[in-house]
Protein backbone atom coordinates (compact mmCIF):
# COMPACT_ATOMS: atom_id res chain seq x y z
CA UNK A 1 174.90 56.68 73.20
CA UNK A 2 175.81 60.27 72.49
CA UNK A 3 178.03 62.16 74.74
CA UNK A 4 177.85 66.05 75.05
CA UNK A 5 180.90 68.20 75.76
CA UNK A 6 180.55 71.86 76.35
CA UNK A 7 183.10 73.91 74.51
CA UNK A 8 185.10 76.65 76.31
CA UNK A 9 186.39 79.66 74.46
CA UNK A 10 189.88 79.35 75.95
CA UNK A 11 192.85 81.31 74.78
CA UNK A 12 192.25 80.87 71.03
CA UNK A 13 189.86 83.73 70.26
CA UNK A 14 189.47 82.64 66.66
CA UNK A 15 187.81 79.36 67.22
CA UNK A 16 186.22 77.81 70.33
CA UNK A 17 186.10 74.53 68.39
CA UNK A 18 189.75 74.47 67.58
CA UNK A 19 191.30 74.33 64.16
CA UNK A 20 190.12 70.88 62.97
CA UNK A 21 187.03 71.59 60.86
CA UNK A 22 187.17 68.43 58.59
CA UNK A 23 183.65 67.42 57.91
CA UNK A 24 182.27 70.71 59.16
CA UNK A 25 181.89 74.09 57.45
CA UNK A 26 184.67 76.09 59.08
CA UNK A 27 183.10 79.56 58.62
CA UNK A 28 180.59 78.70 61.32
CA UNK A 29 183.06 77.78 64.03
CA UNK A 30 184.56 81.00 64.96
CA UNK A 31 184.79 82.60 68.53
CA UNK A 32 181.79 82.24 70.77
CA UNK A 33 180.17 85.62 71.37
CA UNK A 34 179.25 86.57 74.88
CA UNK A 35 176.11 84.64 75.91
CA UNK A 36 176.57 81.82 73.45
CA UNK A 37 177.52 78.33 74.46
CA UNK A 38 179.12 75.64 72.22
CA UNK A 39 178.71 71.95 72.40
CA UNK A 40 180.37 68.95 70.71
CA UNK A 41 178.42 65.72 70.44
CA UNK A 42 180.36 62.41 70.30
CA UNK A 43 179.37 58.98 69.31
CA UNK A 44 181.80 56.10 69.93
CA UNK A 45 184.50 58.76 70.34
CA UNK A 46 183.80 60.39 67.01
CA UNK A 47 182.64 64.10 66.86
CA UNK A 48 179.24 63.75 65.05
CA UNK A 49 177.73 67.22 65.61
CA UNK A 50 178.40 70.76 66.76
CA UNK A 51 175.92 73.30 68.26
CA UNK A 52 176.08 76.95 69.24
CA UNK A 53 173.17 78.15 71.25
CA UNK A 54 172.01 81.01 73.43
CA UNK A 55 169.93 80.08 76.43
CA UNK A 56 168.60 83.50 77.25
CA UNK A 57 166.77 85.09 74.27
CA UNK A 58 164.33 87.66 75.47
CA UNK A 59 163.61 89.85 72.40
CA UNK A 60 161.21 87.65 70.50
CA UNK A 61 157.89 89.04 71.65
CA UNK A 62 157.28 90.13 68.07
CA UNK A 63 156.41 86.52 67.31
CA UNK A 64 152.90 86.00 68.80
CA UNK A 65 153.53 82.37 69.70
CA UNK A 66 156.55 83.42 71.84
CA UNK A 67 154.97 86.49 73.49
CA UNK A 68 155.47 86.52 77.25
CA UNK A 69 157.80 83.49 77.32
CA UNK A 70 160.60 83.99 79.82
CA UNK A 71 163.08 81.24 78.98
CA UNK A 72 163.93 80.85 75.33
CA UNK A 73 166.87 79.00 74.01
CA UNK A 74 167.97 79.78 70.41
CA UNK A 75 169.87 77.09 68.46
CA UNK A 76 172.11 79.49 66.63
CA UNK A 77 174.01 76.94 64.62
CA UNK A 78 173.74 73.10 64.38
CA UNK A 79 175.65 70.90 62.02
CA UNK A 80 176.08 67.15 61.78
CA UNK A 81 179.50 66.01 60.52
CA UNK A 82 179.38 65.32 56.76
CA UNK A 83 180.05 61.60 57.20
CA UNK A 84 177.18 61.17 59.71
CA UNK A 85 174.39 63.10 57.98
CA UNK A 86 171.22 61.28 57.25
CA UNK A 87 171.63 58.90 60.09
CA UNK A 88 169.20 60.54 62.65
CA UNK A 89 171.92 62.24 64.64
CA UNK A 90 170.45 65.74 64.11
CA UNK A 91 167.22 64.69 65.66
CA UNK A 92 169.02 63.06 68.66
CA UNK A 93 171.26 66.10 69.16
CA UNK A 94 168.16 68.35 69.33
CA UNK A 95 166.44 65.94 71.80
CA UNK A 96 169.55 66.08 73.95
CA UNK A 97 169.49 69.90 73.91
CA UNK A 98 165.84 69.93 74.91
CA UNK A 99 166.64 67.65 77.87
CA UNK A 100 169.63 69.79 78.82
CA UNK A 101 167.41 72.86 79.14
CA UNK A 102 164.05 71.53 80.33
CA UNK A 103 162.73 74.91 81.44
CA UNK A 104 163.27 76.55 78.12
CA UNK A 105 161.29 76.75 74.87
CA UNK A 106 163.53 76.43 71.85
CA UNK A 107 163.68 78.39 68.57
CA UNK A 108 165.87 78.29 65.51
CA UNK A 109 166.04 80.67 62.53
CA UNK A 110 166.68 78.35 59.62
CA UNK A 111 166.12 77.74 56.00
CA UNK A 112 166.23 73.91 56.67
CA UNK A 113 162.47 73.69 56.69
CA UNK A 114 162.36 69.93 55.94
CA UNK A 115 164.60 69.07 59.03
CA UNK A 116 162.64 71.29 61.53
CA UNK A 117 159.28 70.04 60.18
CA UNK A 118 160.35 66.36 60.29
CA UNK A 119 161.24 66.73 63.96
CA UNK A 120 157.94 68.41 64.77
CA UNK A 121 158.87 71.96 65.17
CA UNK A 122 156.39 74.66 64.09
CA UNK A 123 156.98 77.71 61.99
CA UNK A 124 156.25 80.82 64.00
CA UNK A 125 154.59 83.81 62.15
CA UNK A 126 156.09 87.15 62.79
CA UNK A 127 158.10 89.90 61.19
CA UNK A 128 160.25 89.17 58.13
CA UNK A 129 163.64 88.12 59.47
CA UNK A 130 165.39 86.70 56.43
CA UNK A 131 165.02 83.23 57.74
CA UNK A 132 161.83 81.47 59.00
CA UNK A 133 161.66 80.94 62.79
CA UNK A 134 160.99 77.41 63.88
CA UNK A 135 159.94 76.66 67.46
CA UNK A 136 159.64 73.77 69.85
CA UNK A 137 157.00 74.94 72.30
CA UNK A 138 155.77 71.65 73.79
CA UNK A 139 156.47 70.94 77.38
CA UNK A 140 157.88 67.57 76.59
CA UNK A 141 160.45 66.60 73.97
């Protein structure tokens, strides 16, 4: 079973996730900007994944599939620990996030097309953003 822990910014303004980045790319884990939440995911006491998300995006009407949606959560960063990649934890982490915010539709700007396609997310057509936008728009995860 995977445990979710929300990360608080705390006093260290440089990294909400602390200074231990072994197994993760450290340049991702800086301070949490206003409106972002951070989460650690643990399995048998080991940190297996980290996520940063915003559960209040409202500026995505330029994507026709998202037009008019009121509750959109953007997965800003997601990373599975290097030693745990390829074991299905990414899929599980995304499922847990969907369950944590059942009233939201989810999006992610990403170049990891294979991952998002494999878990059933669709590419949303819209303006050129530099990264494709993937979305989970179903009512059930």
